Amino acid sequence: EDSWTAFEKLLLVQLVYKLQDNWSAISREMKKHPMISHPAEFFTQKNCAAEYKSLIEPLEIEAEIENENKKKSGDFSASLNDEHRMPPAAKLARMLYQERIRELKSMVSSTEQKFR
């Protein structure tokens, strides 16, 4: 299957934060992580870069639109909550972290069901 798990996406985002756009190193780290669910060959440089781009692009576009709207309205108030002031990569990491927590809760719940 071609879809990435929440964990794999979160790991990817963390590696991009740590290693910037060194896709060779990112790919290598993804491949050797013990908790990945895909074969190592899945995590090519190209696949990692494409997945990151697909995750971050909508948030970058959203941030651009927000900035344009602020410029047009002249509203540069500091009253925005932390969520709106976060850089797109930080928003993405937060979203994926929350998704991973939901994924883990679901796994725990299904495991509990087996023992009832």
Protein backbone atom coordinates (compact mmCIF):
# COMPACT_ATOMS: atom_id res chain seq x y z
CA GLU A 1 0.00 0.00 0.00
CA ASP A 2 1.22 3.49 -0.83
CA SER A 3 -0.30 5.41 2.06
CA TRP A 4 1.92 6.52 4.89
CA THR A 5 0.97 5.84 8.50
CA ALA A 6 0.57 8.71 10.94
CA PHE A 7 3.79 7.58 12.60
CA GLU A 8 5.72 7.58 9.32
CA LYS A 9 4.44 11.06 8.44
CA LEU A 10 5.38 12.36 11.87
CA LEU A 11 8.82 10.78 11.61
CA LEU A 12 9.28 12.32 8.16
CA VAL A 13 8.34 15.80 9.39
CA GLN A 14 10.68 15.47 12.36
CA LEU A 15 13.53 14.37 10.11
CA VAL A 16 12.94 17.27 7.72
CA TYR A 17 13.04 19.63 10.69
CA LYS A 18 16.28 18.05 11.88
CA LEU A 19 18.02 17.47 8.54
CA GLN A 20 16.44 20.24 6.43
CA ASP A 21 16.14 19.15 2.80
CA ASN A 22 18.88 16.52 2.89
CA TRP A 23 16.65 13.91 1.26
CA SER A 24 19.44 11.35 1.10
CA ALA A 25 19.88 11.42 4.89
CA ILE A 26 16.12 11.58 5.47
CA SER A 27 15.54 8.56 3.26
CA ARG A 28 18.33 6.65 5.01
CA GLU A 29 16.89 7.42 8.46
CA MET A 30 13.37 6.44 7.39
CA LYS A 31 14.60 3.14 5.94
CA LYS A 32 16.40 2.07 9.09
CA HIS A 33 13.74 3.05 11.62
CA PRO A 34 12.46 -0.06 13.44
CA MET A 35 8.80 1.04 13.50
CA ILE A 36 8.16 1.66 9.81
CA SER A 37 5.40 -0.42 8.28
CA HIS A 38 6.59 -0.32 4.66
CA PRO A 39 9.57 -2.09 3.13
CA ALA A 40 12.70 0.04 3.26
CA GLU A 41 12.61 0.49 -0.53
CA PHE A 42 9.41 2.52 -0.11
CA PHE A 43 11.32 5.41 1.47
CA THR A 44 13.24 6.68 -1.53
CA GLN A 45 14.49 10.25 -1.58
CA LYS A 46 11.88 11.08 -4.21
CA ASN A 47 9.03 9.46 -2.26
CA CYS A 48 10.02 11.20 0.98
CA ALA A 49 10.28 14.59 -0.74
CA ALA A 50 6.94 14.13 -2.51
CA GLU A 51 5.16 13.08 0.68
CA TYR A 52 6.56 16.02 2.63
CA LYS A 53 5.56 18.41 -0.14
CA SER A 54 2.02 17.00 -0.19
CA LEU A 55 1.78 17.46 3.58
CA ILE A 56 3.27 20.94 3.89
CA GLU A 57 1.96 22.65 0.75
CA PRO A 58 -1.66 23.11 1.91
CA LEU A 59 -0.45 24.66 5.16
CA GLU A 60 1.95 26.98 3.35
CA ILE A 61 -0.84 28.10 1.03
CA GLU A 62 -3.11 28.66 4.02
CA ALA A 63 -0.41 30.77 5.70
CA GLU A 64 0.06 32.84 2.53
CA ILE A 65 -3.67 33.49 2.30
CA GLU A 66 -3.81 34.52 5.96
CA ASN A 67 -0.89 36.90 5.45
CA GLU A 68 -2.50 38.42 2.36
CA ASN A 69 -5.78 38.89 4.20
CA LYS A 70 -3.95 40.59 7.07
CA LYS A 71 -2.17 42.92 4.67
CA LYS A 72 -5.42 43.84 2.92
CA SER A 73 -7.27 44.49 6.15
CA GLY A 74 -4.32 46.12 7.90
CA ASP A 75 -4.86 43.74 10.81
CA PHE A 76 -1.55 42.78 12.35
CA SER A 77 -2.91 42.32 15.84
CA ALA A 78 -1.17 40.06 18.28
CA SER A 79 -4.54 38.72 19.34
CA LEU A 80 -4.20 35.71 17.09
CA ASN A 81 -3.91 32.48 18.99
CA ASP A 82 -0.75 30.38 18.88
CA GLU A 83 -2.20 28.08 16.22
CA HIS A 84 -2.36 30.94 13.71
CA ARG A 85 1.10 32.27 14.49
CA MET A 86 2.79 28.90 14.12
CA PRO A 87 4.95 28.26 11.09
CA PRO A 88 3.42 25.73 8.68
CA ALA A 89 5.95 23.03 9.63
CA ALA A 90 5.08 23.39 13.32
CA LYS A 91 1.35 23.22 12.54
CA LEU A 92 1.97 20.09 10.52
CA ALA A 93 3.97 18.48 13.32
CA ARG A 94 1.21 19.28 15.81
CA MET A 95 -1.48 17.86 13.52
CA LEU A 96 0.50 14.66 12.91
CA TYR A 97 1.28 14.28 16.59
CA GLN A 98 -2.44 14.46 17.36
CA GLU A 99 -3.16 11.99 14.55
CA ARG A 100 -0.55 9.62 15.98
CA ILE A 101 -2.12 9.86 19.45
CA ARG A 102 -5.51 8.93 17.95
CA GLU A 103 -3.88 6.04 16.09
CA LEU A 104 -2.28 4.75 19.30
CA LYS A 105 -5.53 5.06 21.25
CA SER A 106 -7.28 3.06 18.55
CA MET A 107 -4.61 0.37 18.71
CA VAL A 108 -4.90 0.17 22.49
CA SER A 109 -8.67 -0.03 22.26
CA SER A 110 -8.61 -2.84 19.71
CA THR A 111 -6.05 -4.74 21.79
CA GLU A 112 -8.24 -4.34 24.87
CA GLN A 113 -11.20 -5.74 22.92
CA LYS A 114 -9.24 -8.91 22.21
CA PHE A 115 -8.81 -9.57 25.92
CA ARG A 116 -12.42 -9.03 26.94
